[in-house]
C-alpha atoms as a PDB file:
ATOM      1  CA  MET A   1      92.938 113.352  76.530  1.00  0.00           C
ATOM      2  CA  ASN A   2      93.302 111.572  79.859  1.00  0.00           C
ATOM      3  CA  LYS A   3      90.562 109.237  80.978  1.00  0.00           C
ATOM      4  CA  PRO A   4      88.811 110.125  84.250  1.00  0.00           C
ATOM      5  CA  LEU A   5      90.136 108.566  87.418  1.00  0.00           C
ATOM      6  CA  SER A   6      88.279 105.551  88.740  1.00  0.00           C
ATOM      7  CA  VAL A   7      87.375 105.021  92.376  1.00  0.00           C
ATOM      8  CA  ARG A   8      90.214 102.506  92.505  1.00  0.00           C
ATOM      9  CA  ASP A   9      92.675 105.150  91.224  1.00  0.00           C
ATOM     10  CA  LEU A  10      91.407 107.767  93.670  1.00  0.00           C
ATOM     11  CA  THR A  11      91.767 105.293  96.532  1.00  0.00           C
ATOM     12  CA  LEU A  12      95.296 104.432  95.477  1.00  0.00           C
ATOM     13  CA  ILE A  13      96.215 108.124  95.161  1.00  0.00           C
ATOM     14  CA  GLY A  14      94.869 108.671  98.682  1.00  0.00           C
ATOM     15  CA  LEU A  15      96.965 105.808 100.024  1.00  0.00           C
ATOM     16  CA  LEU A  16     100.077 107.019  98.197  1.00  0.00           C
ATOM     17  CA  THR A  17      99.493 110.562  99.492  1.00  0.00           C
ATOM     18  CA  ALA A  18      99.284 109.203 103.039  1.00  0.00           C
ATOM     19  CA  LEU A  19     102.475 107.164 102.499  1.00  0.00           C
ATOM     20  CA  VAL A  20     104.339 110.280 101.332  1.00  0.00           C
ATOM     21  CA  ALA A  21     103.071 112.307 104.293  1.00  0.00           C
ATOM     22  CA  VAL A  22     103.870 109.647 106.900  1.00  0.00           C
ATOM     23  CA  ALA A  23     107.314 108.896 105.439  1.00  0.00           C
ATOM     24  CA  THR A  24     108.032 112.632 105.453  1.00  0.00           C
ATOM     25  CA  MET A  25     106.909 113.044 109.055  1.00  0.00           C
ATOM     26  CA  ILE A  26     108.201 109.888 110.738  1.00  0.00           C
ATOM     27  CA  ILE A  27     111.922 110.753 110.751  1.00  0.00           C
ATOM     28  CA  LYS A  28     112.976 114.352 110.228  1.00  0.00           C
ATOM     29  CA  VAL A  29     116.405 115.878 110.641  1.00  0.00           C
ATOM     30  CA  PRO A  30     116.276 119.690 110.929  1.00  0.00           C
ATOM     31  CA  ILE A  31     118.492 121.848 108.680  1.00  0.00           C
ATOM     32  CA  PRO A  32     119.038 125.121 110.600  1.00  0.00           C
ATOM     33  CA  ALA A  33     120.477 127.060 107.637  1.00  0.00           C
ATOM     34  CA  THR A  34     117.242 126.839 105.641  1.00  0.00           C
ATOM     35  CA  GLN A  35     114.824 126.030 108.464  1.00  0.00           C
ATOM     36  CA  GLY A  36     113.874 122.893 106.525  1.00  0.00           C
ATOM     37  CA  TYR A  37     114.453 119.212 107.258  1.00  0.00           C
ATOM     38  CA  ILE A  38     115.688 115.951 105.723  1.00  0.00           C
ATOM     39  CA  HIS A  39     113.161 113.088 105.581  1.00  0.00           C
ATOM     40  CA  LEU A  40     112.287 109.775 103.914  1.00  0.00           C
ATOM     41  CA  GLY A  41     109.302 111.044 101.904  1.00  0.00           C
ATOM     42  CA  ASP A  42     111.160 111.161  98.597  1.00  0.00           C
ATOM     43  CA  SER A  43     111.388 107.369  98.576  1.00  0.00           C
ATOM     44  CA  MET A  44     107.580 107.218  98.529  1.00  0.00           C
ATOM     45  CA  ILE A  45     107.434 109.890  95.807  1.00  0.00           C
ATOM     46  CA  PHE A  46     109.691 107.727  93.635  1.00  0.00           C
ATOM     47  CA  LEU A  47     107.524 104.707  94.454  1.00  0.00           C
ATOM     48  CA  ALA A  48     104.308 106.501  93.480  1.00  0.00           C
ATOM     49  CA  ALA A  49     105.696 108.018  90.280  1.00  0.00           C
ATOM     50  CA  ILE A  50     107.751 105.101  88.980  1.00  0.00           C
ATOM     51  CA  LEU A  51     105.313 102.312  89.776  1.00  0.00           C
ATOM     52  CA  PHE A  52     102.011 104.113  89.182  1.00  0.00           C
ATOM     53  CA  GLY A  53     102.777 106.945  86.760  1.00  0.00           C
ATOM     54  CA  ARG A  54     102.848 110.702  86.512  1.00  0.00           C
ATOM     55  CA  ARG A  55      99.293 111.483  87.662  1.00  0.00           C
ATOM     56  CA  HIS A  56      99.520 109.360  90.798  1.00  0.00           C
ATOM     57  CA  GLY A  57     103.078 110.571  91.420  1.00  0.00           C
ATOM     58  CA  ALA A  58     102.283 114.260  91.033  1.00  0.00           C
ATOM     59  CA  VAL A  59      99.226 114.271  93.284  1.00  0.00           C
ATOM     60  CA  ALA A  60     100.713 112.042  95.979  1.00  0.00           C
ATOM     61  CA  ALA A  61     104.011 113.944  95.996  1.00  0.00           C
ATOM     62  CA  GLY A  62     102.526 117.431  96.059  1.00  0.00           C
ATOM     63  CA  LEU A  63      99.669 116.854  98.489  1.00  0.00           C
ATOM     64  CA  GLY A  64     101.469 114.394 100.777  1.00  0.00           C
ATOM     65  CA  SER A  65     104.551 116.585 101.136  1.00  0.00           C
ATOM     66  CA  ALA A  66     102.570 119.808 101.603  1.00  0.00           C
ATOM     67  CA  LEU A  67     100.345 118.114 104.169  1.00  0.00           C
ATOM     68  CA  ALA A  68     103.429 116.996 106.100  1.00  0.00           C
ATOM     69  CA  ASP A  69     104.789 120.552 106.069  1.00  0.00           C
ATOM     70  CA  ILE A  70     101.515 121.877 107.460  1.00  0.00           C
ATOM     71  CA  LEU A  71     101.231 119.192 110.143  1.00  0.00           C
ATOM     72  CA  LEU A  72     104.871 119.632 111.212  1.00  0.00           C
ATOM     73  CA  GLY A  73     104.593 123.424 111.487  1.00  0.00           C
ATOM     74  CA  TYR A  74     106.555 124.317 108.332  1.00  0.00           C
ATOM     75  CA  THR A  75     103.569 126.161 106.875  1.00  0.00           C
ATOM     76  CA  ALA A  76     105.707 128.752 105.079  1.00  0.00           C
ATOM     77  CA  TYR A  77     107.014 125.905 102.917  1.00  0.00           C
ATOM     78  CA  ALA A  78     103.634 124.268 102.189  1.00  0.00           C
ATOM     79  CA  LEU A  79     102.879 126.089  98.918  1.00  0.00           C
ATOM     80  CA  PRO A  80     106.427 125.864  97.505  1.00  0.00           C
ATOM     81  CA  THR A  81     106.473 122.196  98.556  1.00  0.00           C
ATOM     82  CA  LEU A  82     103.165 121.523  96.792  1.00  0.00           C
ATOM     83  CA  ILE A  83     104.640 122.932  93.573  1.00  0.00           C
ATOM     84  CA  ILE A  84     108.188 121.535  93.853  1.00  0.00           C
ATOM     85  CA  LYS A  85     107.225 118.026  94.957  1.00  0.00           C
ATOM     86  CA  GLY A  86     104.176 117.868  92.676  1.00  0.00           C
ATOM     87  CA  LEU A  87     106.343 118.677  89.664  1.00  0.00           C
ATOM     88  CA  MET A  88     108.980 116.244  90.943  1.00  0.00           C
ATOM     89  CA  GLY A  89     106.411 113.427  91.007  1.00  0.00           C
ATOM     90  CA  TYR A  90     105.125 114.397  87.573  1.00  0.00           C
ATOM     91  CA  MET A  91     108.599 114.583  85.991  1.00  0.00           C
ATOM     92  CA  VAL A  92     109.719 111.281  87.503  1.00  0.00           C
ATOM     93  CA  GLY A  93     106.525 109.619  86.272  1.00  0.00           C
ATOM     94  CA  VAL A  94     106.953 111.006  82.748  1.00  0.00           C
ATOM     95  CA  ILE A  95     110.579 109.891  82.456  1.00  0.00           C
ATOM     96  CA  ALA A  96     110.251 106.509  84.201  1.00  0.00           C
ATOM     97  CA  GLU A  97     109.551 103.249  82.429  1.00  0.00           C
ATOM     98  CA  GLN A  98     106.572 101.702  84.205  1.00  0.00           C
ATOM     99  CA  GLN A  99     106.283  98.779  81.787  1.00  0.00           C
ATOM    100  CA  SER A 100     109.782  97.378  82.335  1.00  0.00           C
ATOM    101  CA  GLU A 101     110.075  94.249  84.432  1.00  0.00           C
ATOM    102  CA  SER A 102     113.172  95.645  86.161  1.00  0.00           C
ATOM    103  CA  LEU A 103     113.121  98.787  88.273  1.00  0.00           C
ATOM    104  CA  LEU A 104     116.835  99.284  87.722  1.00  0.00           C
ATOM    105  CA  ASN A 105     116.746 100.445  84.133  1.00  0.00           C
ATOM    106  CA  ILE A 106     118.286 103.552  82.610  1.00  0.00           C
ATOM    107  CA  ARG A 107     115.031 105.519  82.384  1.00  0.00           C
ATOM    108  CA  ASN A 108     114.175 104.973  86.049  1.00  0.00           C
ATOM    109  CA  ILE A 109     117.679 105.916  87.144  1.00  0.00           C
ATOM    110  CA  ILE A 110     117.571 109.079  85.029  1.00  0.00           C
ATOM    111  CA  ALA A 111     114.084 109.828  86.413  1.00  0.00           C
ATOM    112  CA  MET A 112     115.351 109.627  90.004  1.00  0.00           C
ATOM    113  CA  ILE A 113     118.393 111.784  89.229  1.00  0.00           C
ATOM    114  CA  VAL A 114     116.244 114.419  87.521  1.00  0.00           C
ATOM    115  CA  GLY A 115     113.723 114.303  90.375  1.00  0.00           C
ATOM    116  CA  ALA A 116     116.376 114.724  93.091  1.00  0.00           C
ATOM    117  CA  VAL A 117     118.163 117.555  91.274  1.00  0.00           C
ATOM    118  CA  TRP A 118     114.854 119.316  90.495  1.00  0.00           C
ATOM    119  CA  MET A 119     113.781 119.085  94.136  1.00  0.00           C
ATOM    120  CA  ALA A 120     117.096 120.398  95.470  1.00  0.00           C
ATOM    121  CA  SER A 121     117.102 123.220  92.907  1.00  0.00           C
ATOM    122  CA  GLY A 122     113.507 124.132  93.725  1.00  0.00           C
ATOM    123  CA  TYR A 123     114.279 124.429  97.408  1.00  0.00           C
ATOM    124  CA  LEU A 124     117.465 126.370  96.630  1.00  0.00           C
ATOM    125  CA  ALA A 125     115.356 128.936  94.783  1.00  0.00           C
ATOM    126  CA  THR A 126     112.706 128.907  97.520  1.00  0.00           C
ATOM    127  CA  ALA A 127     115.216 129.438 100.343  1.00  0.00           C
ATOM    128  CA  THR A 128     116.972 132.183  98.375  1.00  0.00           C
ATOM    129  CA  ILE A 129     113.678 134.021  97.878  1.00  0.00           C
ATOM    130  CA  MET A 130     112.424 133.459 101.437  1.00  0.00           C
ATOM    131  CA  TYR A 131     115.638 134.369 103.242  1.00  0.00           C
ATOM    132  CA  GLY A 132     117.391 136.549 100.675  1.00  0.00           C
ATOM    133  CA  ASP A 133     120.685 134.685 100.987  1.00  0.00           C
ATOM    134  CA  PHE A 134     121.752 132.521  98.047  1.00  0.00           C
ATOM    135  CA  THR A 135     125.032 131.488  99.693  1.00  0.00           C
ATOM    136  CA  ALA A 136     123.368 130.174 102.848  1.00  0.00           C
ATOM    137  CA  ALA A 137     120.777 128.330 100.768  1.00  0.00           C
ATOM    138  CA  LEU A 138     123.477 126.872  98.517  1.00  0.00           C
ATOM    139  CA  VAL A 139     125.839 125.825 101.305  1.00  0.00           C
ATOM    140  CA  GLY A 140     123.299 124.956 103.988  1.00  0.00           C
ATOM    141  CA  GLY A 141     120.374 123.530 102.082  1.00  0.00           C
ATOM    142  CA  PHE A 142     121.321 122.343  98.597  1.00  0.00           C
ATOM    143  CA  PRO A 143     123.705 119.527  99.660  1.00  0.00           C
ATOM    144  CA  SER A 144     121.266 118.227 102.278  1.00  0.00           C
ATOM    145  CA  ASP A 145     118.419 118.318  99.749  1.00  0.00           C
ATOM    146  CA  LEU A 146     120.539 116.356  97.275  1.00  0.00           C
ATOM    147  CA  LEU A 147     121.382 113.858 100.026  1.00  0.00           C
ATOM    148  CA  GLN A 148     117.680 113.521 100.816  1.00  0.00           C
ATOM    149  CA  GLY A 149     116.755 113.041  97.151  1.00  0.00           C
ATOM    150  CA  PHE A 150     119.436 110.478  96.375  1.00  0.00           C
ATOM    151  CA  GLY A 151     118.898 108.758  99.730  1.00  0.00           C
ATOM    152  CA  GLY A 152     115.225 108.471  98.829  1.00  0.00           C
ATOM    153  CA  ALA A 153     116.210 106.880  95.514  1.00  0.00           C
ATOM    154  CA  VAL A 154     118.409 104.312  97.262  1.00  0.00           C
ATOM    155  CA  LEU A 155     115.667 103.502  99.776  1.00  0.00           C
ATOM    156  CA  PHE A 156     113.071 103.248  97.011  1.00  0.00           C
ATOM    157  CA  ILE A 157     114.940 100.481  95.167  1.00  0.00           C
ATOM    158  CA  PRO A 158     114.374  97.600  97.645  1.00  0.00           C
ATOM    159  CA  LEU A 159     110.888  98.861  98.515  1.00  0.00           C
ATOM    160  CA  GLY A 160     109.947  99.203  94.854  1.00  0.00           C
ATOM    161  CA  ILE A 161     111.289  95.777  93.949  1.00  0.00           C
ATOM    162  CA  ALA A 162     109.341  94.172  96.801  1.00  0.00           C
ATOM    163  CA  LEU A 163     106.105  95.985  95.907  1.00  0.00           C
ATOM    164  CA  LYS A 164     106.443  95.234  92.204  1.00  0.00           C
ATOM    165  CA  LYS A 165     106.711  91.505  93.019  1.00  0.00           C
ATOM    166  CA  SER A 166     103.641  91.605  95.289  1.00  0.00           C
ATOM    167  CA  SER A 167     100.265  90.274  94.285  1.00  0.00           C
ATOM    168  CA  PHE A 168      98.691  93.670  95.071  1.00  0.00           C
ATOM    169  CA  TYR A 169     100.773  95.406  92.426  1.00  0.00           C
ATOM    170  CA  LYS A 170     100.235  92.671  89.858  1.00  0.00           C
ATOM    171  CA  ASP A 171      96.474  92.707  90.476  1.00  0.00           C
ATOM    172  CA  TYR A 172      96.335  96.509  90.319  1.00  0.00           C
ATOM    173  CA  VAL A 173      98.345  96.870  87.116  1.00  0.00           C
ATOM    174  CA  LEU A 174      96.607  94.042  85.262  1.00  0.00           C
ATOM    175  CA  LYS A 175      93.098  95.325  86.022  1.00  0.00           C
END
Protein backbone atom coordinates (compact mmCIF):
# COMPACT_ATOMS: atom_id res chain seq x y z
CA MET A 1 0.00 0.00 0.00
CA ASN A 2 1.24 3.48 -0.84
CA LYS A 3 2.08 5.84 1.98
CA PRO A 4 0.07 9.08 2.13
CA LEU A 5 1.52 12.12 0.43
CA SER A 6 3.29 14.62 2.63
CA VAL A 7 2.85 18.38 2.39
CA ARG A 8 6.24 18.46 0.69
CA ASP A 9 5.04 15.94 -1.94
CA LEU A 10 1.79 17.83 -2.52
CA THR A 11 3.73 21.07 -2.96
CA LEU A 12 6.08 19.43 -5.43
CA ILE A 13 3.17 17.91 -7.37
CA GLY A 14 1.59 21.38 -7.54
CA LEU A 15 4.81 22.87 -8.88
CA LEU A 16 5.25 20.07 -11.42
CA THR A 17 1.61 20.46 -12.52
CA ALA A 18 2.21 24.18 -13.07
CA LEU A 19 5.42 23.43 -15.02
CA VAL A 20 3.53 21.03 -17.31
CA ALA A 21 0.74 23.56 -17.86
CA VAL A 22 3.06 26.50 -18.55
CA ALA A 23 5.34 24.48 -20.84
CA THR A 24 2.26 23.30 -22.73
CA MET A 25 0.88 26.82 -23.08
CA ILE A 26 3.99 28.92 -23.73
CA ILE A 27 4.70 27.76 -27.30
CA LYS A 28 1.95 26.04 -29.26
CA VAL A 29 1.89 25.15 -32.93
CA PRO A 30 -1.65 24.43 -34.19
CA ILE A 31 -2.36 21.20 -36.11
CA PRO A 32 -5.39 21.96 -38.33
CA ALA A 33 -6.11 18.32 -39.25
CA THR A 34 -6.90 17.34 -35.66
CA GLN A 35 -7.58 20.79 -34.21
CA GLY A 36 -4.83 20.07 -31.67
CA TYR A 37 -1.38 21.60 -31.19
CA ILE A 38 2.29 20.74 -30.68
CA HIS A 39 3.88 22.02 -27.45
CA LEU A 40 6.78 21.58 -25.01
CA GLY A 41 4.75 20.12 -22.13
CA ASP A 42 5.90 16.54 -22.70
CA SER A 43 9.41 17.49 -21.63
CA MET A 44 8.03 18.44 -18.21
CA ILE A 45 5.98 15.23 -18.06
CA PHE A 46 9.17 13.23 -18.60
CA LEU A 47 10.90 15.35 -15.95
CA ALA A 48 8.14 14.76 -13.39
CA ALA A 49 7.82 11.03 -14.05
CA ILE A 50 11.48 10.09 -14.45
CA LEU A 51 12.90 12.20 -11.64
CA PHE A 52 10.04 11.98 -9.13
CA GLY A 53 8.16 8.78 -9.95
CA ARG A 54 4.83 7.51 -11.18
CA ARG A 55 2.52 9.26 -8.70
CA HIS A 56 4.05 12.69 -9.24
CA GLY A 57 4.29 12.05 -12.98
CA ALA A 58 0.70 10.90 -13.39
CA VAL A 59 -0.89 13.75 -11.45
CA ALA A 60 1.31 16.49 -12.92
CA ALA A 61 0.91 15.17 -16.47
CA GLY A 62 -2.84 14.65 -16.35
CA LEU A 63 -3.84 17.79 -14.45
CA GLY A 64 -1.25 20.13 -15.98
CA SER A 65 -2.05 19.10 -19.54
CA ALA A 66 -5.82 19.16 -19.03
CA LEU A 67 -5.58 22.56 -17.37
CA ALA A 68 -3.63 23.88 -20.35
CA ASP A 69 -6.29 22.55 -22.73
CA ILE A 70 -9.02 24.31 -20.76
CA LEU A 71 -7.12 27.60 -20.50
CA LEU A 72 -6.22 27.56 -24.22
CA GLY A 73 -9.80 26.86 -25.33
CA TYR A 74 -9.33 23.20 -26.30
CA THR A 75 -11.97 22.09 -23.80
CA ALA A 76 -13.17 19.19 -25.95
CA TYR A 77 -9.75 17.62 -25.43
CA ALA A 78 -9.51 18.23 -21.66
CA LEU A 79 -10.96 14.89 -20.51
CA PRO A 80 -9.11 12.75 -23.09
CA THR A 81 -5.94 14.70 -22.25
CA LEU A 82 -6.39 14.07 -18.52
CA ILE A 83 -6.58 10.33 -19.22
CA ILE A 84 -3.93 10.08 -21.97
CA LYS A 85 -1.32 12.29 -20.32
CA GLY A 86 -2.05 10.98 -16.81
CA LEU A 87 -1.45 7.42 -17.99
CA MET A 88 1.61 8.60 -19.92
CA GLY A 89 3.11 10.07 -16.74
CA TYR A 90 2.25 6.93 -14.78
CA MET A 91 3.72 4.54 -17.37
CA VAL A 92 6.92 6.56 -17.76
CA GLY A 93 7.33 6.66 -13.98
CA VAL A 94 6.79 2.90 -13.64
CA ILE A 95 9.29 2.03 -16.37
CA ALA A 96 11.95 4.64 -15.53
CA GLU A 97 14.88 4.05 -13.23
CA GLN A 98 14.81 6.87 -10.68
CA GLN A 99 17.71 5.48 -8.64
CA SER A 100 20.29 5.49 -11.43
CA GLU A 101 22.91 8.21 -11.35
CA SER A 102 22.63 8.67 -15.12
CA LEU A 103 19.44 9.79 -16.83
CA LEU A 104 20.57 8.22 -20.09
CA ASN A 105 20.04 4.59 -19.20
CA ILE A 106 18.09 1.95 -21.09
CA ARG A 107 15.04 2.02 -18.80
CA ASN A 108 14.63 5.79 -19.09
CA ILE A 109 15.01 5.68 -22.86
CA ILE A 110 12.44 2.89 -23.11
CA ALA A 111 10.15 4.84 -20.76
CA MET A 112 10.29 7.92 -23.01
CA ILE A 113 9.68 5.85 -26.15
CA VAL A 114 6.70 4.09 -24.57
CA GLY A 115 5.35 7.41 -23.26
CA ALA A 116 5.62 9.16 -26.65
CA VAL A 117 4.06 6.26 -28.56
CA TRP A 118 1.26 5.88 -25.97
CA MET A 119 0.48 9.60 -26.17
CA ALA A 120 0.42 9.66 -29.98
CA SER A 121 -1.73 6.51 -30.07
CA GLY A 122 -4.12 7.92 -27.48
CA TYR A 123 -4.65 11.08 -29.49
CA LEU A 124 -5.00 9.03 -32.69
CA ALA A 125 -7.88 7.15 -31.07
CA THR A 126 -9.34 10.36 -29.64
CA ALA A 127 -9.25 12.22 -32.98
CA THR A 128 -10.72 9.21 -34.78
CA ILE A 129 -13.62 9.07 -32.33
CA MET A 130 -14.17 12.85 -32.23
CA TYR A 131 -13.98 13.48 -35.97
CA GLY A 132 -14.84 10.06 -37.38
CA ASP A 133 -11.89 10.03 -39.77
CA PHE A 134 -9.05 7.61 -39.00
CA THR A 135 -7.06 8.60 -42.09
CA ALA A 136 -7.02 12.31 -41.24
CA ALA A 137 -6.08 11.52 -37.65
CA LEU A 138 -3.33 9.14 -38.78
CA VAL A 139 -1.87 11.43 -41.45
CA GLY A 140 -2.52 14.79 -39.82
CA GLY A 141 -2.11 14.14 -36.12
CA PHE A 142 -0.12 10.98 -35.40
CA PRO A 143 3.22 12.13 -36.91
CA SER A 144 3.01 15.53 -35.20
CA ASP A 145 2.17 13.86 -31.88
CA LEU A 146 5.17 11.56 -32.26
CA LEU A 147 7.34 14.58 -33.09
CA GLN A 148 6.04 16.34 -29.98
CA GLY A 149 6.67 13.29 -27.78
CA PHE A 150 10.18 12.59 -29.02
CA GLY A 151 11.00 16.31 -29.09
CA GLY A 152 9.92 16.47 -25.46
CA ALA A 153 12.26 13.57 -24.69
CA VAL A 154 15.19 15.34 -26.35
CA LEU A 155 14.44 18.58 -24.50
CA PHE A 156 14.05 16.73 -21.21
CA ILE A 157 17.58 15.29 -21.31
CA PRO A 158 19.58 18.51 -20.68
CA LEU A 159 16.90 19.86 -18.32
CA GLY A 160 16.78 16.60 -16.38
CA ILE A 161 20.55 16.34 -16.11
CA ALA A 162 20.78 19.92 -14.81
CA LEU A 163 17.98 19.41 -12.27
CA LYS A 164 19.37 16.08 -11.08
CA LYS A 165 22.71 17.78 -10.34
CA SER A 166 21.04 20.63 -8.43
CA SER A 167 21.04 20.90 -4.67
CA PHE A 168 17.22 21.11 -4.68
CA TYR A 169 16.90 17.66 -6.21
CA LYS A 170 19.55 16.15 -3.97
CA ASP A 171 17.91 17.65 -0.87
CA TYR A 172 14.45 16.52 -1.97
CA VAL A 173 15.42 12.94 -2.79
CA LEU A 174 17.56 12.41 0.31
CA LYS A 175 14.88 13.65 2.72
